[in-house]
Amino acid sequence: MSELAADGIPVAVSCRVLKLARQPYYRWLYDPVTRRELDEAYRANALLDAHRDDPEFGYRLLADEARDEGEAKSDRTAWRITSENG
């Protein structure tokens, strides 16, 4: 939508055409990466580091390794992150 605003099309019109509320757009514009997304990235990184050290580990052992490194998460969360990231 920034491109539309740069072309002179008002954000209010763009949001109305796209059937989006303006408030979430401005909230996203102010902070494009949420705290949850940042936490998720740190958790995925900790799991990837544990996987590089021992590639034969399953998600439960990877979760234990990540917990030892200070990235606390449940086994279910570790499973979800590893399955999403292959």
PDB file of N, CA and C in Angstrom:
ATOM      1  N   MET A   1       0.810  -1.190   0.000  1.00  0.00           N
ATOM      2  CA  MET A   1       0.000   0.000   0.000  1.00  0.00           C
ATOM      3  C   MET A   1       0.855   1.255   0.000  1.00  0.00           C
ATOM      4  N   SER A   2       2.072   1.145   0.451  1.00  0.00           N
ATOM      5  CA  SER A   2       2.964   2.305   0.422  1.00  0.00           C
ATOM      6  C   SER A   2       3.174   2.789  -1.008  1.00  0.00           C
ATOM      7  N   GLU A   3       3.214   1.807  -1.940  1.00  0.00           N
ATOM      8  CA  GLU A   3       3.398   2.179  -3.335  1.00  0.00           C
ATOM      9  C   GLU A   3       2.206   2.999  -3.831  1.00  0.00           C
ATOM     10  N   LEU A   4       1.004   2.620  -3.401  1.00  0.00           N
ATOM     11  CA  LEU A   4      -0.173   3.377  -3.799  1.00  0.00           C
ATOM     12  C   LEU A   4      -0.129   4.784  -3.221  1.00  0.00           C
ATOM     13  N   ALA A   5       0.288   4.899  -1.965  1.00  0.00           N
ATOM     14  CA  ALA A   5       0.389   6.218  -1.339  1.00  0.00           C
ATOM     15  C   ALA A   5       1.443   7.057  -2.050  1.00  0.00           C
ATOM     16  N   ALA A   6       2.528   6.429  -2.493  1.00  0.00           N
ATOM     17  CA  ALA A   6       3.580   7.148  -3.207  1.00  0.00           C
ATOM     18  C   ALA A   6       3.082   7.648  -4.560  1.00  0.00           C
ATOM     19  N   ASP A   7       2.120   6.932  -5.145  1.00  0.00           N
ATOM     20  CA  ASP A   7       1.546   7.353  -6.425  1.00  0.00           C
ATOM     21  C   ASP A   7       0.450   8.398  -6.259  1.00  0.00           C
ATOM     22  N   GLY A   8       0.193   8.814  -5.023  1.00  0.00           N
ATOM     23  CA  GLY A   8      -0.794   9.849  -4.783  1.00  0.00           C
ATOM     24  C   GLY A   8      -2.187   9.345  -4.463  1.00  0.00           C
ATOM     25  N   ILE A   9      -2.351   8.040  -4.339  1.00  0.00           N
ATOM     26  CA  ILE A   9      -3.661   7.477  -3.981  1.00  0.00           C
ATOM     27  C   ILE A   9      -3.739   7.447  -2.460  1.00  0.00           C
ATOM     28  N   PRO A  10      -4.737   8.097  -1.872  1.00  0.00           N
ATOM     29  CA  PRO A  10      -4.831   8.154  -0.413  1.00  0.00           C
ATOM     30  C   PRO A  10      -4.988   6.764   0.215  1.00  0.00           C
ATOM     31  N   VAL A  11      -4.415   6.598   1.389  1.00  0.00           N
ATOM     32  CA  VAL A  11      -4.484   5.332   2.109  1.00  0.00           C
ATOM     33  C   VAL A  11      -5.939   4.968   2.407  1.00  0.00           C
ATOM     34  N   ALA A  12      -6.751   5.968   2.755  1.00  0.00           N
ATOM     35  CA  ALA A  12      -8.157   5.704   3.072  1.00  0.00           C
ATOM     36  C   ALA A  12      -8.872   5.071   1.878  1.00  0.00           C
ATOM     37  N   VAL A  13      -8.600   5.554   0.671  1.00  0.00           N
ATOM     38  CA  VAL A  13      -9.228   5.000  -0.530  1.00  0.00           C
ATOM     39  C   VAL A  13      -8.713   3.583  -0.777  1.00  0.00           C
ATOM     40  N   SER A  14      -7.424   3.397  -0.655  1.00  0.00           N
ATOM     41  CA  SER A  14      -6.834   2.068  -0.855  1.00  0.00           C
ATOM     42  C   SER A  14      -7.430   1.056   0.107  1.00  0.00           C
ATOM     43  N   CYS A  15      -7.547   1.442   1.368  1.00  0.00           N
ATOM     44  CA  CYS A  15      -8.117   0.537   2.371  1.00  0.00           C
ATOM     45  C   CYS A  15      -9.579   0.229   2.076  1.00  0.00           C
ATOM     46  N   ARG A  16     -10.319   1.216   1.643  1.00  0.00           N
ATOM     47  CA  ARG A  16     -11.732   1.010   1.342  1.00  0.00           C
ATOM     48  C   ARG A  16     -11.886   0.052   0.154  1.00  0.00           C
ATOM     49  N   VAL A  17     -11.092   0.228  -0.893  1.00  0.00           N
ATOM     50  CA  VAL A  17     -11.170  -0.638  -2.068  1.00  0.00           C
ATOM     51  C   VAL A  17     -10.769  -2.070  -1.711  1.00  0.00           C
ATOM     52  N   LEU A  18      -9.743  -2.205  -0.880  1.00  0.00           N
ATOM     53  CA  LEU A  18      -9.269  -3.531  -0.474  1.00  0.00           C
ATOM     54  C   LEU A  18     -10.072  -4.124   0.677  1.00  0.00           C
ATOM     55  N   LYS A  19     -11.040  -3.366   1.167  1.00  0.00           N
ATOM     56  CA  LYS A  19     -11.889  -3.769   2.292  1.00  0.00           C
ATOM     57  C   LYS A  19     -11.067  -4.078   3.534  1.00  0.00           C
ATOM     58  N   LEU A  20     -10.151  -3.162   3.824  1.00  0.00           N
ATOM     59  CA  LEU A  20      -9.320  -3.247   5.020  1.00  0.00           C
ATOM     60  C   LEU A  20      -9.594  -2.042   5.908  1.00  0.00           C
ATOM     61  N   ALA A  21      -9.483  -2.241   7.211  1.00  0.00           N
ATOM     62  CA  ALA A  21      -9.613  -1.117   8.134  1.00  0.00           C
ATOM     63  C   ALA A  21      -8.294  -0.351   8.150  1.00  0.00           C
ATOM     64  N   ARG A  22      -8.377   0.946   8.339  1.00  0.00           N
ATOM     65  CA  ARG A  22      -7.160   1.766   8.342  1.00  0.00           C
ATOM     66  C   ARG A  22      -6.313   1.545   9.586  1.00  0.00           C
ATOM     67  N   GLN A  23      -6.954   1.358  10.731  1.00  0.00           N
ATOM     68  CA  GLN A  23      -6.202   1.249  11.989  1.00  0.00           C
ATOM     69  C   GLN A  23      -5.187   0.098  11.968  1.00  0.00           C
ATOM     70  N   PRO A  24      -5.571  -1.128  11.555  1.00  0.00           N
ATOM     71  CA  PRO A  24      -4.554  -2.193  11.499  1.00  0.00           C
ATOM     72  C   PRO A  24      -3.430  -1.886  10.510  1.00  0.00           C
ATOM     73  N   TYR A  25      -3.772  -1.201   9.410  1.00  0.00           N
ATOM     74  CA  TYR A  25      -2.731  -0.830   8.451  1.00  0.00           C
ATOM     75  C   TYR A  25      -1.710   0.099   9.097  1.00  0.00           C
ATOM     76  N   TYR A  26      -2.198   1.126   9.776  1.00  0.00           N
ATOM     77  CA  TYR A  26      -1.276   2.063  10.420  1.00  0.00           C
ATOM     78  C   TYR A  26      -0.508   1.394  11.559  1.00  0.00           C
ATOM     79  N   ARG A  27      -1.150   0.451  12.270  1.00  0.00           N
ATOM     80  CA  ARG A  27      -0.454  -0.288  13.327  1.00  0.00           C
ATOM     81  C   ARG A  27       0.673  -1.112  12.715  1.00  0.00           C
ATOM     82  N   TRP A  28       0.381  -1.773  11.582  1.00  0.00           N
ATOM     83  CA  TRP A  28       1.402  -2.551  10.903  1.00  0.00           C
ATOM     84  C   TRP A  28       2.510  -1.646  10.365  1.00  0.00           C
ATOM     85  N   LEU A  29       2.136  -0.497   9.836  1.00  0.00           N
ATOM     86  CA  LEU A  29       3.126   0.435   9.294  1.00  0.00           C
ATOM     87  C   LEU A  29       4.082   0.912  10.381  1.00  0.00           C
ATOM     88  N   TYR A  30       3.545   1.139  11.584  1.00  0.00           N
ATOM     89  CA  TYR A  30       4.367   1.582  12.710  1.00  0.00           C
ATOM     90  C   TYR A  30       5.288   0.470  13.193  1.00  0.00           C
ATOM     91  N   ASP A  31       4.795  -0.772  13.215  1.00  0.00           N
ATOM     92  CA  ASP A  31       5.567  -1.904  13.745  1.00  0.00           C
ATOM     93  C   ASP A  31       5.322  -3.118  12.851  1.00  0.00           C
ATOM     94  N   PRO A  32       6.047  -3.250  11.711  1.00  0.00           N
ATOM     95  CA  PRO A  32       5.758  -4.317  10.756  1.00  0.00           C
ATOM     96  C   PRO A  32       6.065  -5.724  11.269  1.00  0.00           C
ATOM     97  N   VAL A  33       6.945  -5.871  12.249  1.00  0.00           N
ATOM     98  CA  VAL A  33       7.260  -7.179  12.816  1.00  0.00           C
ATOM     99  C   VAL A  33       6.749  -7.200  14.252  1.00  0.00           C
ATOM    100  N   THR A  34       5.795  -8.092  14.510  1.00  0.00           N
ATOM    101  CA  THR A  34       5.225  -8.162  15.854  1.00  0.00           C
ATOM    102  C   THR A  34       6.177  -8.868  16.802  1.00  0.00           C
ATOM    103  N   ARG A  35       5.942  -8.699  18.066  1.00  0.00           N
ATOM    104  CA  ARG A  35       6.766  -9.353  19.089  1.00  0.00           C
ATOM    105  C   ARG A  35       6.664 -10.877  18.966  1.00  0.00           C
ATOM    106  N   ARG A  36       5.461 -11.357  18.646  1.00  0.00           N
ATOM    107  CA  ARG A  36       5.256 -12.800  18.493  1.00  0.00           C
ATOM    108  C   ARG A  36       6.079 -13.343  17.326  1.00  0.00           C
ATOM    109  N   GLU A  37       6.097 -12.623  16.210  1.00  0.00           N
ATOM    110  CA  GLU A  37       6.885 -13.058  15.056  1.00  0.00           C
ATOM    111  C   GLU A  37       8.372 -13.059  15.366  1.00  0.00           C
ATOM    112  N   LEU A  38       8.815 -12.076  16.134  1.00  0.00           N
ATOM    113  CA  LEU A  38      10.221 -12.018  16.530  1.00  0.00           C
ATOM    114  C   LEU A  38      10.581 -13.182  17.447  1.00  0.00           C
ATOM    115  N   ASP A  39       9.716 -13.467  18.420  1.00  0.00           N
ATOM    116  CA  ASP A  39       9.942 -14.612  19.308  1.00  0.00           C
ATOM    117  C   ASP A  39       9.985 -15.914  18.523  1.00  0.00           C
ATOM    118  N   GLU A  40       9.078 -16.041  17.558  1.00  0.00           N
ATOM    119  CA  GLU A  40       9.026 -17.234  16.716  1.00  0.00           C
ATOM    120  C   GLU A  40      10.331 -17.398  15.928  1.00  0.00           C
ATOM    121  N   ALA A  41      10.873 -16.307  15.432  1.00  0.00           N
ATOM    122  CA  ALA A  41      12.129 -16.358  14.683  1.00  0.00           C
ATOM    123  C   ALA A  41      13.287 -16.796  15.580  1.00  0.00           C
ATOM    124  N   TYR A  42      13.331 -16.290  16.810  1.00  0.00           N
ATOM    125  CA  TYR A  42      14.378 -16.714  17.752  1.00  0.00           C
ATOM    126  C   TYR A  42      14.254 -18.198  18.079  1.00  0.00           C
ATOM    127  N   ARG A  43      13.015 -18.661  18.259  1.00  0.00           N
ATOM    128  CA  ARG A  43      12.806 -20.086  18.557  1.00  0.00           C
ATOM    129  C   ARG A  43      13.221 -20.961  17.382  1.00  0.00           C
ATOM    130  N   ALA A  44      12.856 -20.548  16.176  1.00  0.00           N
ATOM    131  CA  ALA A  44      13.231 -21.308  14.989  1.00  0.00           C
ATOM    132  C   ALA A  44      14.746 -21.337  14.830  1.00  0.00           C
ATOM    133  N   ASN A  45      15.395 -20.234  15.137  1.00  0.00           N
ATOM    134  CA  ASN A  45      16.851 -20.176  15.051  1.00  0.00           C
ATOM    135  C   ASN A  45      17.494 -21.120  16.065  1.00  0.00           C
ATOM    136  N   ALA A  46      16.963 -21.157  17.280  1.00  0.00           N
ATOM    137  CA  ALA A  46      17.515 -22.057  18.311  1.00  0.00           C
ATOM    138  C   ALA A  46      17.345 -23.513  17.887  1.00  0.00           C
ATOM    139  N   LEU A  47      16.195 -23.846  17.293  1.00  0.00           N
ATOM    140  CA  LEU A  47      15.982 -25.218  16.816  1.00  0.00           C
ATOM    141  C   LEU A  47      16.911 -25.552  15.661  1.00  0.00           C
ATOM    142  N   LEU A  48      17.127 -24.590  14.776  1.00  0.00           N
ATOM    143  CA  LEU A  48      18.035 -24.822  13.652  1.00  0.00           C
ATOM    144  C   LEU A  48      19.463 -25.039  14.142  1.00  0.00           C
ATOM    145  N   ASP A  49      19.884 -24.252  15.110  1.00  0.00           N
ATOM    146  CA  ASP A  49      21.220 -24.445  15.672  1.00  0.00           C
ATOM    147  C   ASP A  49      21.365 -25.826  16.302  1.00  0.00           C
ATOM    148  N   ALA A  50      20.344 -26.261  17.034  1.00  0.00           N
ATOM    149  CA  ALA A  50      20.384 -27.590  17.650  1.00  0.00           C
ATOM    150  C   ALA A  50      20.397 -28.673  16.571  1.00  0.00           C
ATOM    151  N   HIS A  51      19.670 -28.456  15.480  1.00  0.00           N
ATOM    152  CA  HIS A  51      19.628 -29.426  14.392  1.00  0.00           C
ATOM    153  C   HIS A  51      20.978 -29.521  13.686  1.00  0.00           C
ATOM    154  N   ARG A  52      21.665 -28.397  13.529  1.00  0.00           N
ATOM    155  CA  ARG A  52      22.991 -28.418  12.887  1.00  0.00           C
ATOM    156  C   ARG A  52      23.977 -29.228  13.718  1.00  0.00           C
ATOM    157  N   ASP A  53      23.859 -29.114  15.045  1.00  0.00           N
ATOM    158  CA  ASP A  53      24.775 -29.860  15.921  1.00  0.00           C
ATOM    159  C   ASP A  53      24.513 -31.362  15.853  1.00  0.00           C
ATOM    160  N   ASP A  54      23.256 -31.753  15.839  1.00  0.00           N
ATOM    161  CA  ASP A  54      22.874 -33.170  15.811  1.00  0.00           C
ATOM    162  C   ASP A  54      21.705 -33.370  14.852  1.00  0.00           C
ATOM    163  N   PRO A  55      21.980 -33.554  13.555  1.00  0.00           N
ATOM    164  CA  PRO A  55      20.905 -33.610  12.564  1.00  0.00           C
ATOM    165  C   PRO A  55      19.968 -34.811  12.704  1.00  0.00           C
ATOM    166  N   GLU A  56      20.359 -35.838  13.441  1.00  0.00           N
ATOM    167  CA  GLU A  56      19.491 -37.007  13.563  1.00  0.00           C
ATOM    168  C   GLU A  56      18.431 -36.856  14.651  1.00  0.00           C
ATOM    169  N   PHE A  57      18.489 -35.772  15.428  1.00  0.00           N
ATOM    170  CA  PHE A  57      17.522 -35.562  16.510  1.00  0.00           C
ATOM    171  C   PHE A  57      16.128 -35.287  15.968  1.00  0.00           C
ATOM    172  N   GLY A  58      15.131 -35.775  16.697  1.00  0.00           N
ATOM    173  CA  GLY A  58      13.745 -35.451  16.407  1.00  0.00           C
ATOM    174  C   GLY A  58      13.377 -34.141  17.091  1.00  0.00           C
ATOM    175  N   TYR A  59      12.136 -33.718  16.904  1.00  0.00           N
ATOM    176  CA  TYR A  59      11.726 -32.411  17.427  1.00  0.00           C
ATOM    177  C   TYR A  59      11.757 -32.355  18.949  1.00  0.00           C
ATOM    178  N   ARG A  60      11.496 -33.473  19.640  1.00  0.00           N
ATOM    179  CA  ARG A  60      11.526 -33.442  21.107  1.00  0.00           C
ATOM    180  C   ARG A  60      12.939 -33.197  21.635  1.00  0.00           C
ATOM    181  N   LEU A  61      13.898 -33.878  21.056  1.00  0.00           N
ATOM    182  CA  LEU A  61      15.282 -33.673  21.483  1.00  0.00           C
ATOM    183  C   LEU A  61      15.781 -32.287  21.076  1.00  0.00           C
ATOM    184  N   LEU A  62      15.338 -31.816  19.912  1.00  0.00           N
ATOM    185  CA  LEU A  62      15.700 -30.455  19.499  1.00  0.00           C
ATOM    186  C   LEU A  62      15.121 -29.434  20.470  1.00  0.00           C
ATOM    187  N   ALA A  63      13.892 -29.673  20.944  1.00  0.00           N
ATOM    188  CA  ALA A  63      13.273 -28.769  21.919  1.00  0.00           C
ATOM    189  C   ALA A  63      14.066 -28.774  23.222  1.00  0.00           C
ATOM    190  N   ASP A  64      14.538 -29.949  23.640  1.00  0.00           N
ATOM    191  CA  ASP A  64      15.362 -30.031  24.853  1.00  0.00           C
ATOM    192  C   ASP A  64      16.664 -29.259  24.680  1.00  0.00           C
ATOM    193  N   GLU A  65      17.297 -29.406  23.519  1.00  0.00           N
ATOM    194  CA  GLU A  65      18.539 -28.683  23.243  1.00  0.00           C
ATOM    195  C   GLU A  65      18.306 -27.174  23.242  1.00  0.00           C
ATOM    196  N   ALA A  66      17.207 -26.742  22.629  1.00  0.00           N
ATOM    197  CA  ALA A  66      16.894 -25.308  22.582  1.00  0.00           C
ATOM    198  C   ALA A  66      16.601 -24.785  23.989  1.00  0.00           C
ATOM    199  N   ARG A  67      15.919 -25.592  24.814  1.00  0.00           N
ATOM    200  CA  ARG A  67      15.658 -25.180  26.204  1.00  0.00           C
ATOM    201  C   ARG A  67      16.972 -24.993  26.964  1.00  0.00           C
ATOM    202  N   ASP A  68      17.932 -25.878  26.712  1.00  0.00           N
ATOM    203  CA  ASP A  68      19.235 -25.753  27.359  1.00  0.00           C
ATOM    204  C   ASP A  68      19.943 -24.466  26.960  1.00  0.00           C
ATOM    205  N   GLU A  69      19.640 -23.983  25.756  1.00  0.00           N
ATOM    206  CA  GLU A  69      20.222 -22.733  25.272  1.00  0.00           C
ATOM    207  C   GLU A  69      19.436 -21.503  25.718  1.00  0.00           C
ATOM    208  N   GLY A  70      18.324 -21.713  26.440  1.00  0.00           N
ATOM    209  CA  GLY A  70      17.571 -20.588  26.974  1.00  0.00           C
ATOM    210  C   GLY A  70      16.328 -20.209  26.188  1.00  0.00           C
ATOM    211  N   GLU A  71      15.984 -20.957  25.154  1.00  0.00           N
ATOM    212  CA  GLU A  71      14.769 -20.685  24.375  1.00  0.00           C
ATOM    213  C   GLU A  71      13.693 -21.667  24.814  1.00  0.00           C
ATOM    214  N   ALA A  72      12.948 -21.309  25.846  1.00  0.00           N
ATOM    215  CA  ALA A  72      11.918 -22.200  26.385  1.00  0.00           C
ATOM    216  C   ALA A  72      10.738 -22.293  25.435  1.00  0.00           C
ATOM    217  N   LYS A  73      10.272 -23.515  25.221  1.00  0.00           N
ATOM    218  CA  LYS A  73       9.095 -23.755  24.385  1.00  0.00           C
ATOM    219  C   LYS A  73       8.583 -25.151  24.683  1.00  0.00           C
ATOM    220  N   SER A  74       7.328 -25.386  24.361  1.00  0.00           N
ATOM    221  CA  SER A  74       6.768 -26.715  24.549  1.00  0.00           C
ATOM    222  C   SER A  74       7.183 -27.612  23.383  1.00  0.00           C
ATOM    223  N   ASP A  75       7.044 -28.907  23.569  1.00  0.00           N
ATOM    224  CA  ASP A  75       7.360 -29.837  22.488  1.00  0.00           C
ATOM    225  C   ASP A  75       6.443 -29.614  21.296  1.00  0.00           C
ATOM    226  N   ARG A  76       5.191 -29.280  21.568  1.00  0.00           N
ATOM    227  CA  ARG A  76       4.228 -29.030  20.488  1.00  0.00           C
ATOM    228  C   ARG A  76       4.660 -27.829  19.638  1.00  0.00           C
ATOM    229  N   THR A  77       5.139 -26.774  20.297  1.00  0.00           N
ATOM    230  CA  THR A  77       5.620 -25.596  19.574  1.00  0.00           C
ATOM    231  C   THR A  77       6.839 -25.963  18.738  1.00  0.00           C
ATOM    232  N   ALA A  78       7.734 -26.759  19.302  1.00  0.00           N
ATOM    233  CA  ALA A  78       8.925 -27.200  18.565  1.00  0.00           C
ATOM    234  C   ALA A  78       8.512 -28.023  17.344  1.00  0.00           C
ATOM    235  N   TRP A  79       7.513 -28.888  17.516  1.00  0.00           N
ATOM    236  CA  TRP A  79       7.035 -29.680  16.385  1.00  0.00           C
ATOM    237  C   TRP A  79       6.487 -28.783  15.290  1.00  0.00           C
ATOM    238  N   ARG A  80       5.668 -27.805  15.668  1.00  0.00           N
ATOM    239  CA  ARG A  80       5.056 -26.909  14.693  1.00  0.00           C
ATOM    240  C   ARG A  80       6.130 -26.135  13.928  1.00  0.00           C
ATOM    241  N   ILE A  81       7.100 -25.600  14.644  1.00  0.00           N
ATOM    242  CA  ILE A  81       8.154 -24.807  13.996  1.00  0.00           C
ATOM    243  C   ILE A  81       8.980 -25.684  13.068  1.00  0.00           C
ATOM    244  N   THR A  82       9.358 -26.885  13.524  1.00  0.00           N
ATOM    245  CA  THR A  82      10.173 -27.743  12.669  1.00  0.00           C
ATOM    246  C   THR A  82       9.399 -28.238  11.457  1.00  0.00           C
ATOM    247  N   SER A  83       8.115 -28.510  11.625  1.00  0.00           N
ATOM    248  CA  SER A  83       7.350 -28.982  10.462  1.00  0.00           C
ATOM    249  C   SER A  83       7.119 -27.842   9.467  1.00  0.00           C
ATOM    250  N   GLU A  84       6.931 -26.608   9.950  1.00  0.00           N
ATOM    251  CA  GLU A  84       6.765 -25.472   9.041  1.00  0.00           C
ATOM    252  C   GLU A  84       8.041 -25.151   8.283  1.00  0.00           C
ATOM    253  N   ASN A  85       9.188 -25.380   8.913  1.00  0.00           N
ATOM    254  CA  ASN A  85      10.471 -25.024   8.303  1.00  0.00           C
ATOM    255  C   ASN A  85      11.191 -26.209   7.667  1.00  0.00           C
ATOM    256  N   GLY A  86      10.563 -27.338   7.663  1.00  0.00           N
ATOM    257  CA  GLY A  86      11.149 -28.510   7.017  1.00  0.00           C
ATOM    258  C   GLY A  86      12.350 -29.020   7.762  1.00  0.00           C
TER     259      GLY A  86
END
